[in-house]
Amino acid sequence: MRLFLIAILFLAIGLSAHAQTKAITTVGDTVLLNDDGTWVYQDKYSSSANIDKILLNDTKFTKPAASTKFLSGGKGIYEIWYDPSIWVKANPSKYNDDAELALEMNGKVAYGIMIYEKVEIPVESLLEIALENAQSSAPNFKVISREYRMVNGNKVALMQMEGNIEGINATYYSYYYSNSSGTWQFHAYTMTSLFKQLKKQMEALLNGLVIK
């Protein structure tokens, strides 16, 4: 049953920005290139046209004291700190071909994966791309909440999405961040029926993201 749920939940983690590469045209326009050969102007994803104003949560979020182990990624430019009594390291390729790091919750159907890419994409554009990619796998996916947070000194975007994948309701609770060193998408996800119960542990995992 657990392996079946992993396979189903995997279907909606088509959230990699790798499917879209930023390029500059000869006349100076910025476009996003898709793997299938299509392209779109980056302005399509501008915040003024496609996304509501995202507010900043005044709370300062930091790595939990119980998060005593870490995984290092991006050749050392970021770390994911986690509570080893709750989370265990997993094989990223089991969840997403583009994932660099992955964790599983002990005894629960909940997972965390990190997708890191060496391309800078405006965070609000990244949120739009993530939603569109999720909806390409499951058209009923929708945004539940969205906000900015200060997490270990970096301003990241939180987005919660929910949708039904082959009869299973899934919830994705994710951090998005980008700078000149690249783009980070840190997804914690589970079945919607378990999210309220597991939210605290999932949020603690997300707050273990430390970008140097």
N, C-alpha and C. Protein backbone atom coordinates (compact mmCIF):
# COMPACT_ATOMS: atom_id res chain seq x y z
N MET A 1 0.83 -1.20 0.00
CA MET A 1 0.00 0.00 0.00
C MET A 1 0.86 1.25 0.00
N ARG A 2 1.91 1.26 0.82
CA ARG A 2 2.77 2.45 0.90
C ARG A 2 3.44 2.73 -0.44
N LEU A 3 3.95 1.69 -1.12
CA LEU A 3 4.60 1.90 -2.41
C LEU A 3 3.60 2.39 -3.45
N PHE A 4 2.37 1.90 -3.37
CA PHE A 4 1.33 2.35 -4.30
C PHE A 4 1.06 3.83 -4.12
N LEU A 5 0.97 4.28 -2.87
CA LEU A 5 0.71 5.69 -2.60
C LEU A 5 1.86 6.57 -3.06
N ILE A 6 3.10 6.09 -2.89
CA ILE A 6 4.26 6.83 -3.39
C ILE A 6 4.11 7.05 -4.89
N ALA A 7 3.75 5.99 -5.61
CA ALA A 7 3.64 6.08 -7.06
C ALA A 7 2.54 7.05 -7.47
N ILE A 8 1.41 7.04 -6.77
CA ILE A 8 0.31 7.94 -7.10
C ILE A 8 0.68 9.38 -6.79
N LEU A 9 1.21 9.62 -5.59
CA LEU A 9 1.57 10.98 -5.21
C LEU A 9 2.67 11.54 -6.10
N PHE A 10 3.51 10.67 -6.59
CA PHE A 10 4.59 11.09 -7.49
C PHE A 10 4.06 11.78 -8.74
N LEU A 11 2.85 11.39 -9.18
CA LEU A 11 2.32 11.92 -10.42
C LEU A 11 2.16 13.43 -10.39
N ALA A 12 1.92 14.00 -9.23
CA ALA A 12 1.70 15.44 -9.16
C ALA A 12 2.96 16.23 -8.90
N ILE A 13 4.08 15.53 -8.70
CA ILE A 13 5.32 16.26 -8.45
C ILE A 13 6.01 16.53 -9.78
N GLY A 14 5.27 16.97 -10.75
CA GLY A 14 5.85 17.43 -12.01
C GLY A 14 6.13 18.92 -11.90
N LEU A 15 6.83 19.34 -10.84
CA LEU A 15 6.94 20.75 -10.53
C LEU A 15 8.29 21.34 -10.88
N SER A 16 9.09 20.60 -11.58
CA SER A 16 10.44 21.09 -11.84
C SER A 16 10.46 22.23 -12.83
N ALA A 17 11.22 23.25 -12.51
CA ALA A 17 11.42 24.34 -13.46
C ALA A 17 12.36 23.93 -14.57
N HIS A 18 12.97 22.75 -14.44
CA HIS A 18 13.90 22.26 -15.47
C HIS A 18 13.20 22.15 -16.82
N ALA A 19 11.86 21.95 -16.80
CA ALA A 19 11.12 21.85 -18.05
C ALA A 19 11.06 23.19 -18.78
N GLN A 20 11.46 24.26 -18.11
CA GLN A 20 11.46 25.58 -18.72
C GLN A 20 12.79 26.26 -18.44
N THR A 21 13.49 26.62 -19.52
CA THR A 21 14.79 27.27 -19.41
C THR A 21 14.67 28.72 -19.86
N LYS A 22 15.26 29.62 -19.09
CA LYS A 22 15.18 31.04 -19.43
C LYS A 22 16.21 31.38 -20.49
N ALA A 23 15.81 32.19 -21.47
CA ALA A 23 16.73 32.61 -22.54
C ALA A 23 16.39 34.04 -22.93
N ILE A 24 17.37 34.72 -23.51
CA ILE A 24 17.21 36.10 -23.97
C ILE A 24 17.24 36.10 -25.50
N THR A 25 16.23 36.72 -26.11
CA THR A 25 16.18 36.79 -27.57
C THR A 25 17.13 37.86 -28.08
N THR A 26 17.31 37.91 -29.40
CA THR A 26 18.22 38.89 -30.00
C THR A 26 17.74 40.32 -29.83
N VAL A 27 16.44 40.50 -29.53
CA VAL A 27 15.91 41.85 -29.31
C VAL A 27 15.75 42.16 -27.83
N GLY A 28 16.26 41.27 -26.97
CA GLY A 28 16.29 41.55 -25.55
C GLY A 28 15.12 41.05 -24.74
N ASP A 29 14.15 40.34 -25.36
CA ASP A 29 13.03 39.80 -24.61
C ASP A 29 13.46 38.53 -23.87
N THR A 30 12.89 38.32 -22.68
CA THR A 30 13.16 37.10 -21.92
C THR A 30 12.05 36.10 -22.18
N VAL A 31 12.43 34.86 -22.55
CA VAL A 31 11.45 33.82 -22.82
C VAL A 31 11.80 32.57 -22.01
N LEU A 32 10.79 31.73 -21.78
CA LEU A 32 10.98 30.45 -21.11
C LEU A 32 10.82 29.35 -22.15
N LEU A 33 11.87 28.53 -22.30
CA LEU A 33 11.90 27.47 -23.31
C LEU A 33 11.47 26.15 -22.68
N ASN A 34 10.51 25.47 -23.29
CA ASN A 34 10.05 24.17 -22.81
C ASN A 34 10.81 23.04 -23.47
N ASP A 35 10.87 21.89 -22.80
CA ASP A 35 11.57 20.74 -23.36
C ASP A 35 10.94 20.25 -24.66
N ASP A 36 9.64 20.55 -24.85
CA ASP A 36 8.96 20.08 -26.06
C ASP A 36 9.16 21.02 -27.26
N GLY A 37 10.00 22.05 -27.08
CA GLY A 37 10.30 22.95 -28.17
C GLY A 37 9.44 24.20 -28.20
N THR A 38 8.40 24.26 -27.38
CA THR A 38 7.57 25.46 -27.32
C THR A 38 8.21 26.49 -26.40
N TRP A 39 7.70 27.73 -26.45
CA TRP A 39 8.25 28.78 -25.60
C TRP A 39 7.16 29.79 -25.29
N VAL A 40 7.40 30.62 -24.24
CA VAL A 40 6.46 31.65 -23.84
C VAL A 40 7.25 32.83 -23.28
N TYR A 41 6.76 34.04 -23.51
CA TYR A 41 7.41 35.19 -22.92
C TYR A 41 7.33 35.12 -21.39
N GLN A 42 8.41 35.46 -20.71
CA GLN A 42 8.41 35.43 -19.25
C GLN A 42 7.37 36.39 -18.68
N ASP A 43 7.04 37.47 -19.41
CA ASP A 43 6.05 38.42 -18.94
C ASP A 43 4.70 37.77 -18.68
N LYS A 44 4.45 36.63 -19.32
CA LYS A 44 3.20 35.92 -19.08
C LYS A 44 3.04 35.56 -17.61
N TYR A 45 4.18 35.38 -16.91
CA TYR A 45 4.15 34.97 -15.52
C TYR A 45 4.35 36.14 -14.57
N SER A 46 4.25 37.38 -15.06
CA SER A 46 4.48 38.53 -14.20
C SER A 46 3.43 38.60 -13.10
N SER A 47 3.84 39.08 -11.92
CA SER A 47 2.95 39.12 -10.78
C SER A 47 1.74 40.00 -11.03
N SER A 48 1.89 41.09 -11.77
CA SER A 48 0.79 42.01 -11.97
C SER A 48 -0.33 41.40 -12.80
N ALA A 49 0.02 40.43 -13.66
CA ALA A 49 -0.98 39.87 -14.57
C ALA A 49 -1.61 38.59 -14.05
N ASN A 50 -0.87 37.79 -13.28
CA ASN A 50 -1.33 36.43 -13.03
C ASN A 50 -1.38 36.01 -11.57
N ILE A 51 -0.98 36.82 -10.64
CA ILE A 51 -0.91 36.34 -9.27
C ILE A 51 -1.34 37.43 -8.31
N ASP A 52 -2.12 37.08 -7.31
CA ASP A 52 -2.53 38.04 -6.31
C ASP A 52 -1.32 38.48 -5.50
N LYS A 53 -1.44 39.65 -4.88
CA LYS A 53 -0.35 40.14 -4.04
C LYS A 53 -0.11 39.15 -2.91
N ILE A 54 1.15 38.80 -2.71
CA ILE A 54 1.52 37.84 -1.67
C ILE A 54 2.05 38.62 -0.48
N LEU A 55 1.47 38.38 0.68
CA LEU A 55 1.83 39.10 1.89
C LEU A 55 2.95 38.41 2.63
N LEU A 56 3.68 39.19 3.43
CA LEU A 56 4.78 38.65 4.23
C LEU A 56 4.27 38.30 5.62
N ASN A 57 4.51 37.06 6.04
CA ASN A 57 4.22 36.63 7.41
C ASN A 57 5.27 37.25 8.32
N ASP A 58 4.85 37.95 9.37
CA ASP A 58 5.79 38.64 10.25
C ASP A 58 6.62 37.69 11.12
N THR A 59 6.20 36.44 11.25
CA THR A 59 6.93 35.48 12.06
C THR A 59 8.29 35.17 11.43
N LYS A 60 9.32 35.05 12.25
CA LYS A 60 10.64 34.63 11.78
C LYS A 60 10.75 33.11 11.99
N PHE A 61 10.97 32.39 10.90
CA PHE A 61 11.04 30.93 10.96
C PHE A 61 12.51 30.49 10.96
N THR A 62 12.85 29.57 11.87
CA THR A 62 14.23 29.12 12.00
C THR A 62 14.29 27.60 12.11
N LYS A 63 15.48 27.09 11.90
CA LYS A 63 15.72 25.65 12.01
C LYS A 63 15.36 25.17 13.42
N PRO A 64 14.49 24.14 13.54
CA PRO A 64 14.11 23.65 14.86
C PRO A 64 15.28 23.03 15.62
N ALA A 65 15.26 23.15 16.94
CA ALA A 65 16.33 22.60 17.76
C ALA A 65 16.43 21.09 17.63
N ALA A 66 15.29 20.44 17.37
CA ALA A 66 15.29 18.98 17.25
C ALA A 66 15.88 18.49 15.93
N SER A 67 16.09 19.41 14.98
CA SER A 67 16.66 19.03 13.68
C SER A 67 18.18 18.97 13.80
N THR A 68 18.68 17.81 14.15
CA THR A 68 20.10 17.66 14.49
C THR A 68 20.93 17.00 13.39
N LYS A 69 20.28 16.50 12.35
CA LYS A 69 21.02 15.93 11.22
C LYS A 69 20.70 16.74 9.97
N PHE A 70 21.60 16.67 8.98
CA PHE A 70 21.32 17.42 7.76
C PHE A 70 21.82 16.68 6.53
N LEU A 71 21.20 17.04 5.41
CA LEU A 71 21.65 16.62 4.09
C LEU A 71 22.17 17.85 3.38
N SER A 72 23.25 17.71 2.66
CA SER A 72 23.86 18.83 1.95
C SER A 72 23.63 18.68 0.45
N GLY A 73 23.29 19.80 -0.21
CA GLY A 73 23.04 19.74 -1.64
C GLY A 73 23.63 20.92 -2.37
N GLY A 74 23.51 20.90 -3.69
CA GLY A 74 24.05 21.98 -4.50
C GLY A 74 25.53 22.18 -4.31
N LYS A 75 26.24 21.07 -4.10
CA LYS A 75 27.69 21.10 -3.83
C LYS A 75 28.02 22.00 -2.64
N GLY A 76 27.16 21.88 -1.61
CA GLY A 76 27.44 22.55 -0.35
C GLY A 76 26.84 23.92 -0.17
N ILE A 77 26.04 24.41 -1.13
CA ILE A 77 25.51 25.76 -0.96
C ILE A 77 24.19 25.79 -0.18
N TYR A 78 23.63 24.63 0.12
CA TYR A 78 22.44 24.61 0.98
C TYR A 78 22.41 23.30 1.78
N GLU A 79 21.64 23.31 2.86
CA GLU A 79 21.47 22.14 3.72
C GLU A 79 20.00 21.99 4.09
N ILE A 80 19.59 20.76 4.29
CA ILE A 80 18.27 20.47 4.85
C ILE A 80 18.48 19.78 6.20
N TRP A 81 18.13 20.48 7.27
CA TRP A 81 18.23 19.93 8.62
C TRP A 81 16.91 19.26 8.99
N TYR A 82 17.01 18.11 9.66
CA TYR A 82 15.79 17.35 9.96
C TYR A 82 15.93 16.61 11.29
N ASP A 83 14.79 16.26 11.85
CA ASP A 83 14.72 15.49 13.09
C ASP A 83 14.83 14.01 12.73
N PRO A 84 15.93 13.33 13.09
CA PRO A 84 16.12 11.93 12.69
C PRO A 84 15.15 10.96 13.36
N SER A 85 14.44 11.42 14.39
CA SER A 85 13.43 10.56 14.99
C SER A 85 12.12 10.57 14.19
N ILE A 86 12.01 11.52 13.25
CA ILE A 86 10.79 11.65 12.45
C ILE A 86 11.04 11.36 10.97
N TRP A 87 12.20 11.79 10.47
CA TRP A 87 12.49 11.69 9.04
C TRP A 87 13.72 10.83 8.79
N VAL A 88 13.73 10.14 7.65
CA VAL A 88 14.89 9.36 7.23
C VAL A 88 15.23 9.71 5.79
N LYS A 89 16.50 9.64 5.47
CA LYS A 89 16.96 9.92 4.11
C LYS A 89 16.39 8.88 3.15
N ALA A 90 16.02 9.33 1.95
CA ALA A 90 15.46 8.44 0.94
C ALA A 90 16.15 8.66 -0.40
N ASN A 91 15.90 7.76 -1.32
CA ASN A 91 16.47 7.86 -2.67
C ASN A 91 15.64 8.84 -3.49
N PRO A 92 16.20 9.99 -3.90
CA PRO A 92 15.42 11.00 -4.61
C PRO A 92 14.79 10.50 -5.90
N SER A 93 15.48 9.61 -6.61
CA SER A 93 14.98 9.16 -7.90
C SER A 93 13.68 8.37 -7.80
N LYS A 94 13.36 7.90 -6.58
CA LYS A 94 12.11 7.18 -6.38
C LYS A 94 10.91 8.11 -6.49
N TYR A 95 11.14 9.41 -6.32
CA TYR A 95 10.06 10.38 -6.28
C TYR A 95 10.03 11.30 -7.49
N ASN A 96 11.20 11.72 -7.94
CA ASN A 96 11.25 12.67 -9.06
C ASN A 96 12.63 12.62 -9.69
N ASP A 97 12.67 12.56 -11.01
CA ASP A 97 13.95 12.48 -11.71
C ASP A 97 14.81 13.72 -11.48
N ASP A 98 14.17 14.85 -11.17
CA ASP A 98 14.91 16.10 -10.97
C ASP A 98 15.24 16.38 -9.51
N ALA A 99 14.75 15.56 -8.61
CA ALA A 99 15.00 15.79 -7.18
C ALA A 99 16.45 15.50 -6.84
N GLU A 100 17.04 16.36 -6.00
CA GLU A 100 18.41 16.16 -5.56
C GLU A 100 18.48 15.47 -4.21
N LEU A 101 17.53 15.77 -3.32
CA LEU A 101 17.48 15.17 -1.99
C LEU A 101 16.04 14.77 -1.69
N ALA A 102 15.89 13.75 -0.84
CA ALA A 102 14.55 13.30 -0.46
C ALA A 102 14.57 12.71 0.94
N LEU A 103 13.43 12.82 1.63
CA LEU A 103 13.27 12.23 2.95
C LEU A 103 11.88 11.62 3.04
N GLU A 104 11.74 10.61 3.92
CA GLU A 104 10.46 9.97 4.20
C GLU A 104 10.18 10.09 5.69
N MET A 105 8.90 10.25 6.04
CA MET A 105 8.53 10.28 7.45
C MET A 105 8.41 8.85 7.97
N ASN A 106 9.00 8.60 9.12
CA ASN A 106 8.96 7.27 9.73
C ASN A 106 7.52 6.83 9.98
N GLY A 107 7.11 5.73 9.34
CA GLY A 107 5.82 5.14 9.61
C GLY A 107 4.62 5.91 9.10
N LYS A 108 4.82 6.96 8.33
CA LYS A 108 3.73 7.78 7.84
C LYS A 108 3.85 7.97 6.33
N VAL A 109 2.72 8.24 5.70
CA VAL A 109 2.72 8.51 4.26
C VAL A 109 2.94 10.01 4.05
N ALA A 110 4.18 10.44 4.25
CA ALA A 110 4.56 11.84 4.06
C ALA A 110 6.00 11.88 3.58
N TYR A 111 6.29 12.82 2.69
CA TYR A 111 7.58 12.84 2.03
C TYR A 111 8.06 14.28 1.86
N GLY A 112 9.37 14.43 1.71
CA GLY A 112 9.95 15.72 1.40
C GLY A 112 10.97 15.56 0.29
N ILE A 113 10.91 16.43 -0.73
CA ILE A 113 11.90 16.36 -1.80
C ILE A 113 12.39 17.77 -2.12
N MET A 114 13.65 17.86 -2.50
CA MET A 114 14.25 19.13 -2.90
C MET A 114 14.61 19.07 -4.38
N ILE A 115 14.13 20.05 -5.12
CA ILE A 115 14.52 20.23 -6.52
C ILE A 115 15.34 21.51 -6.58
N TYR A 116 16.61 21.38 -6.89
CA TYR A 116 17.51 22.53 -7.00
C TYR A 116 18.05 22.59 -8.42
N GLU A 117 18.03 23.80 -9.00
CA GLU A 117 18.54 23.97 -10.36
C GLU A 117 19.36 25.25 -10.45
N LYS A 118 20.38 25.22 -11.28
CA LYS A 118 21.29 26.35 -11.40
C LYS A 118 20.78 27.37 -12.40
N VAL A 119 19.58 27.87 -12.17
CA VAL A 119 19.01 28.92 -13.00
C VAL A 119 18.17 29.81 -12.09
N GLU A 120 18.29 31.11 -12.24
CA GLU A 120 17.51 32.04 -11.42
C GLU A 120 16.19 32.34 -12.10
N ILE A 121 15.09 32.15 -11.37
CA ILE A 121 13.76 32.43 -11.87
C ILE A 121 13.04 33.27 -10.82
N PRO A 122 12.42 34.38 -11.18
CA PRO A 122 11.67 35.16 -10.19
C PRO A 122 10.69 34.27 -9.43
N VAL A 123 10.64 34.42 -8.12
CA VAL A 123 9.87 33.50 -7.29
C VAL A 123 8.39 33.50 -7.67
N GLU A 124 7.82 34.66 -7.95
CA GLU A 124 6.40 34.69 -8.32
C GLU A 124 6.17 33.98 -9.65
N SER A 125 7.12 34.06 -10.56
CA SER A 125 7.03 33.29 -11.80
C SER A 125 7.09 31.80 -11.50
N LEU A 126 7.97 31.44 -10.56
CA LEU A 126 8.13 30.03 -10.19
C LEU A 126 6.84 29.46 -9.62
N LEU A 127 6.11 30.25 -8.82
CA LEU A 127 4.84 29.79 -8.27
C LEU A 127 3.84 29.52 -9.38
N GLU A 128 3.79 30.39 -10.37
CA GLU A 128 2.88 30.19 -11.49
C GLU A 128 3.24 28.93 -12.28
N ILE A 129 4.53 28.75 -12.53
CA ILE A 129 4.99 27.58 -13.27
C ILE A 129 4.65 26.30 -12.50
N ALA A 130 4.90 26.31 -11.18
CA ALA A 130 4.62 25.13 -10.35
C ALA A 130 3.15 24.76 -10.40
N LEU A 131 2.27 25.76 -10.30
CA LEU A 131 0.83 25.48 -10.34
C LEU A 131 0.42 24.94 -11.70
N GLU A 132 0.92 25.55 -12.77
CA GLU A 132 0.56 25.08 -14.11
C GLU A 132 1.05 23.65 -14.35
N ASN A 133 2.25 23.34 -13.87
CA ASN A 133 2.77 21.99 -14.05
C ASN A 133 1.98 20.98 -13.24
N ALA A 134 1.58 21.36 -12.02
CA ALA A 134 0.75 20.46 -11.21
C ALA A 134 -0.59 20.22 -11.90
N GLN A 135 -1.18 21.26 -12.46
CA GLN A 135 -2.47 21.12 -13.13
C GLN A 135 -2.37 20.33 -14.42
N SER A 136 -1.17 20.27 -15.00
CA SER A 136 -1.01 19.44 -16.19
C SER A 136 -1.10 17.96 -15.84
N SER A 137 -0.78 17.61 -14.57
CA SER A 137 -0.91 16.23 -14.12
C SER A 137 -2.30 15.96 -13.55
N ALA A 138 -2.86 16.97 -12.87
CA ALA A 138 -4.18 16.85 -12.26
C ALA A 138 -4.87 18.21 -12.38
N PRO A 139 -5.77 18.39 -13.36
CA PRO A 139 -6.36 19.70 -13.63
C PRO A 139 -7.09 20.33 -12.45
N ASN A 140 -7.52 19.52 -11.48
CA ASN A 140 -8.26 20.07 -10.35
C ASN A 140 -7.36 20.66 -9.26
N PHE A 141 -6.06 20.64 -9.44
CA PHE A 141 -5.16 21.20 -8.43
C PHE A 141 -5.44 22.69 -8.25
N LYS A 142 -5.43 23.14 -7.00
CA LYS A 142 -5.69 24.55 -6.71
C LYS A 142 -4.80 25.02 -5.57
N VAL A 143 -4.61 26.33 -5.51
CA VAL A 143 -3.83 26.95 -4.44
C VAL A 143 -4.73 27.16 -3.24
N ILE A 144 -4.27 26.71 -2.07
CA ILE A 144 -5.01 26.89 -0.82
C ILE A 144 -4.52 28.13 -0.08
N SER A 145 -3.21 28.31 -0.03
CA SER A 145 -2.64 29.49 0.64
C SER A 145 -1.29 29.82 0.04
N ARG A 146 -0.87 31.07 0.26
CA ARG A 146 0.37 31.55 -0.33
C ARG A 146 0.86 32.74 0.50
N GLU A 147 2.12 32.75 0.87
CA GLU A 147 2.67 33.86 1.64
C GLU A 147 4.18 33.86 1.54
N TYR A 148 4.78 35.01 1.86
CA TYR A 148 6.23 35.07 2.01
C TYR A 148 6.58 34.85 3.47
N ARG A 149 7.76 34.26 3.68
CA ARG A 149 8.27 34.03 5.02
C ARG A 149 9.77 34.31 5.05
N MET A 150 10.24 34.75 6.20
CA MET A 150 11.68 34.82 6.43
C MET A 150 12.09 33.52 7.11
N VAL A 151 12.87 32.72 6.39
CA VAL A 151 13.27 31.39 6.87
C VAL A 151 14.79 31.34 6.94
N ASN A 152 15.30 31.27 8.15
CA ASN A 152 16.75 31.24 8.36
C ASN A 152 17.46 32.36 7.60
N GLY A 153 16.82 33.54 7.61
CA GLY A 153 17.44 34.72 7.01
C GLY A 153 17.14 34.95 5.55
N ASN A 154 16.39 34.06 4.90
CA ASN A 154 16.07 34.22 3.48
C ASN A 154 14.56 34.38 3.29
N LYS A 155 14.17 35.26 2.38
CA LYS A 155 12.76 35.46 2.08
C LYS A 155 12.30 34.42 1.07
N VAL A 156 11.51 33.46 1.53
CA VAL A 156 11.02 32.39 0.67
C VAL A 156 9.51 32.53 0.52
N ALA A 157 8.96 31.89 -0.50
CA ALA A 157 7.52 31.84 -0.69
C ALA A 157 7.00 30.48 -0.26
N LEU A 158 5.93 30.48 0.51
CA LEU A 158 5.22 29.26 0.87
C LEU A 158 3.98 29.16 0.00
N MET A 159 3.76 27.99 -0.58
CA MET A 159 2.51 27.76 -1.30
C MET A 159 1.97 26.39 -0.93
N GLN A 160 0.69 26.35 -0.56
CA GLN A 160 0.01 25.09 -0.29
C GLN A 160 -0.95 24.82 -1.43
N MET A 161 -0.86 23.62 -2.01
CA MET A 161 -1.74 23.21 -3.10
C MET A 161 -2.41 21.90 -2.75
N GLU A 162 -3.63 21.73 -3.26
CA GLU A 162 -4.36 20.47 -3.08
C GLU A 162 -4.99 20.05 -4.40
N GLY A 163 -5.10 18.73 -4.57
CA GLY A 163 -5.75 18.21 -5.76
C GLY A 163 -5.99 16.72 -5.64
N ASN A 164 -6.77 16.19 -6.56
CA ASN A 164 -7.10 14.77 -6.55
C ASN A 164 -6.33 14.08 -7.67
N ILE A 165 -5.56 13.06 -7.27
CA ILE A 165 -4.74 12.31 -8.23
C ILE A 165 -5.20 10.87 -8.24
N GLU A 166 -5.88 10.48 -9.32
CA GLU A 166 -6.39 9.12 -9.47
C GLU A 166 -7.15 8.67 -8.23
N GLY A 167 -8.02 9.55 -7.74
CA GLY A 167 -8.87 9.20 -6.61
C GLY A 167 -8.30 9.48 -5.24
N ILE A 168 -7.04 9.93 -5.17
CA ILE A 168 -6.40 10.24 -3.89
C ILE A 168 -6.22 11.74 -3.77
N ASN A 169 -6.75 12.32 -2.69
CA ASN A 169 -6.58 13.74 -2.43
C ASN A 169 -5.21 13.97 -1.80
N ALA A 170 -4.42 14.82 -2.42
CA ALA A 170 -3.05 15.08 -1.97
C ALA A 170 -2.86 16.56 -1.66
N THR A 171 -2.00 16.83 -0.67
CA THR A 171 -1.67 18.20 -0.29
C THR A 171 -0.16 18.39 -0.38
N TYR A 172 0.24 19.49 -1.01
CA TYR A 172 1.65 19.85 -1.14
C TYR A 172 1.90 21.16 -0.41
N TYR A 173 2.86 21.15 0.48
CA TYR A 173 3.22 22.29 1.31
C TYR A 173 4.67 22.58 0.97
N SER A 174 4.94 23.70 0.29
CA SER A 174 6.24 23.86 -0.36
C SER A 174 6.84 25.25 -0.16
N TYR A 175 8.18 25.29 -0.10
CA TYR A 175 8.94 26.54 -0.08
C TYR A 175 9.59 26.73 -1.44
N TYR A 176 9.62 27.99 -1.91
CA TYR A 176 10.24 28.35 -3.17
C TYR A 176 11.18 29.53 -2.94
N TYR A 177 12.37 29.42 -3.51
CA TYR A 177 13.36 30.49 -3.35
C TYR A 177 14.28 30.51 -4.56
N SER A 178 14.76 31.71 -4.91
CA SER A 178 15.68 31.82 -6.04
C SER A 178 16.62 33.00 -5.83
N ASN A 179 17.87 32.82 -6.21
CA ASN A 179 18.84 33.91 -6.24
C ASN A 179 19.83 33.65 -7.37
N SER A 180 20.91 34.40 -7.42
CA SER A 180 21.86 34.26 -8.52
C SER A 180 22.53 32.89 -8.57
N SER A 181 22.44 32.14 -7.47
CA SER A 181 23.06 30.80 -7.43
C SER A 181 22.13 29.70 -7.92
N GLY A 182 20.83 30.02 -8.08
CA GLY A 182 19.92 29.00 -8.56
C GLY A 182 18.52 29.13 -7.98
N THR A 183 17.75 28.05 -8.12
CA THR A 183 16.35 28.01 -7.70
C THR A 183 16.11 26.77 -6.85
N TRP A 184 15.39 26.98 -5.75
CA TRP A 184 15.07 25.89 -4.81
C TRP A 184 13.56 25.69 -4.76
N GLN A 185 13.13 24.44 -4.87
CA GLN A 185 11.74 24.06 -4.61
C GLN A 185 11.77 22.92 -3.60
N PHE A 186 11.30 23.17 -2.40
CA PHE A 186 11.33 22.20 -1.31
C PHE A 186 9.88 21.80 -1.02
N HIS A 187 9.52 20.58 -1.39
CA HIS A 187 8.14 20.11 -1.29
C HIS A 187 7.98 19.09 -0.16
N ALA A 188 7.03 19.34 0.72
CA ALA A 188 6.60 18.34 1.69
C ALA A 188 5.16 17.98 1.32
N TYR A 189 4.84 16.70 1.23
CA TYR A 189 3.52 16.35 0.75
C TYR A 189 3.01 15.06 1.37
N THR A 190 1.68 14.94 1.39
CA THR A 190 1.01 13.79 1.98
C THR A 190 -0.41 13.74 1.46
N MET A 191 -1.19 12.76 1.91
CA MET A 191 -2.61 12.73 1.59
C MET A 191 -3.32 13.84 2.36
N THR A 192 -4.30 14.47 1.74
CA THR A 192 -5.01 15.58 2.38
C THR A 192 -5.63 15.17 3.70
N SER A 193 -6.10 13.95 3.81
CA SER A 193 -6.72 13.47 5.04
C SER A 193 -5.73 13.41 6.20
N LEU A 194 -4.42 13.38 5.89
CA LEU A 194 -3.39 13.31 6.93
C LEU A 194 -2.70 14.65 7.18
N PHE A 195 -2.98 15.63 6.32
CA PHE A 195 -2.20 16.87 6.38
C PHE A 195 -2.33 17.59 7.72
N LYS A 196 -3.53 17.73 8.21
CA LYS A 196 -3.73 18.45 9.48
C LYS A 196 -2.95 17.77 10.60
N GLN A 197 -2.95 16.45 10.61
CA GLN A 197 -2.24 15.68 11.62
C GLN A 197 -0.72 15.82 11.50
N LEU A 198 -0.22 15.91 10.27
CA LEU A 198 1.22 15.90 10.03
C LEU A 198 1.82 17.27 9.71
N LYS A 199 0.98 18.30 9.67
CA LYS A 199 1.45 19.62 9.25
C LYS A 199 2.62 20.12 10.09
N LYS A 200 2.56 19.95 11.39
CA LYS A 200 3.62 20.46 12.27
C LYS A 200 4.97 19.85 11.90
N GLN A 201 5.00 18.53 11.68
CA GLN A 201 6.26 17.86 11.33
C GLN A 201 6.73 18.25 9.94
N MET A 202 5.80 18.43 9.02
CA MET A 202 6.16 18.83 7.66
C MET A 202 6.71 20.24 7.64
N GLU A 203 6.09 21.13 8.41
CA GLU A 203 6.57 22.51 8.46
C GLU A 203 7.94 22.59 9.12
N ALA A 204 8.16 21.76 10.15
CA ALA A 204 9.48 21.73 10.80
C ALA A 204 10.56 21.29 9.81
N LEU A 205 10.21 20.34 8.95
CA LEU A 205 11.17 19.90 7.93
C LEU A 205 11.48 21.05 6.98
N LEU A 206 10.47 21.73 6.49
CA LEU A 206 10.69 22.85 5.58
C LEU A 206 11.56 23.93 6.22
N ASN A 207 11.34 24.17 7.50
CA ASN A 207 12.10 25.21 8.19
C ASN A 207 13.55 24.83 8.43
N GLY A 208 13.90 23.60 8.09
CA GLY A 208 15.30 23.18 8.19
C GLY A 208 16.12 23.54 6.96
N LEU A 209 15.50 24.26 6.00
CA LEU A 209 16.23 24.67 4.80
C LEU A 209 17.16 25.84 5.12
N VAL A 210 18.44 25.64 4.96
CA VAL A 210 19.44 26.66 5.22
C VAL A 210 20.22 26.89 3.92
N ILE A 211 20.09 28.08 3.35
CA ILE A 211 20.78 28.42 2.12
C ILE A 211 21.93 29.36 2.48
N LYS A 212 23.14 28.99 2.08
CA LYS A 212 24.35 29.72 2.50
C LYS A 212 24.62 30.91 1.58
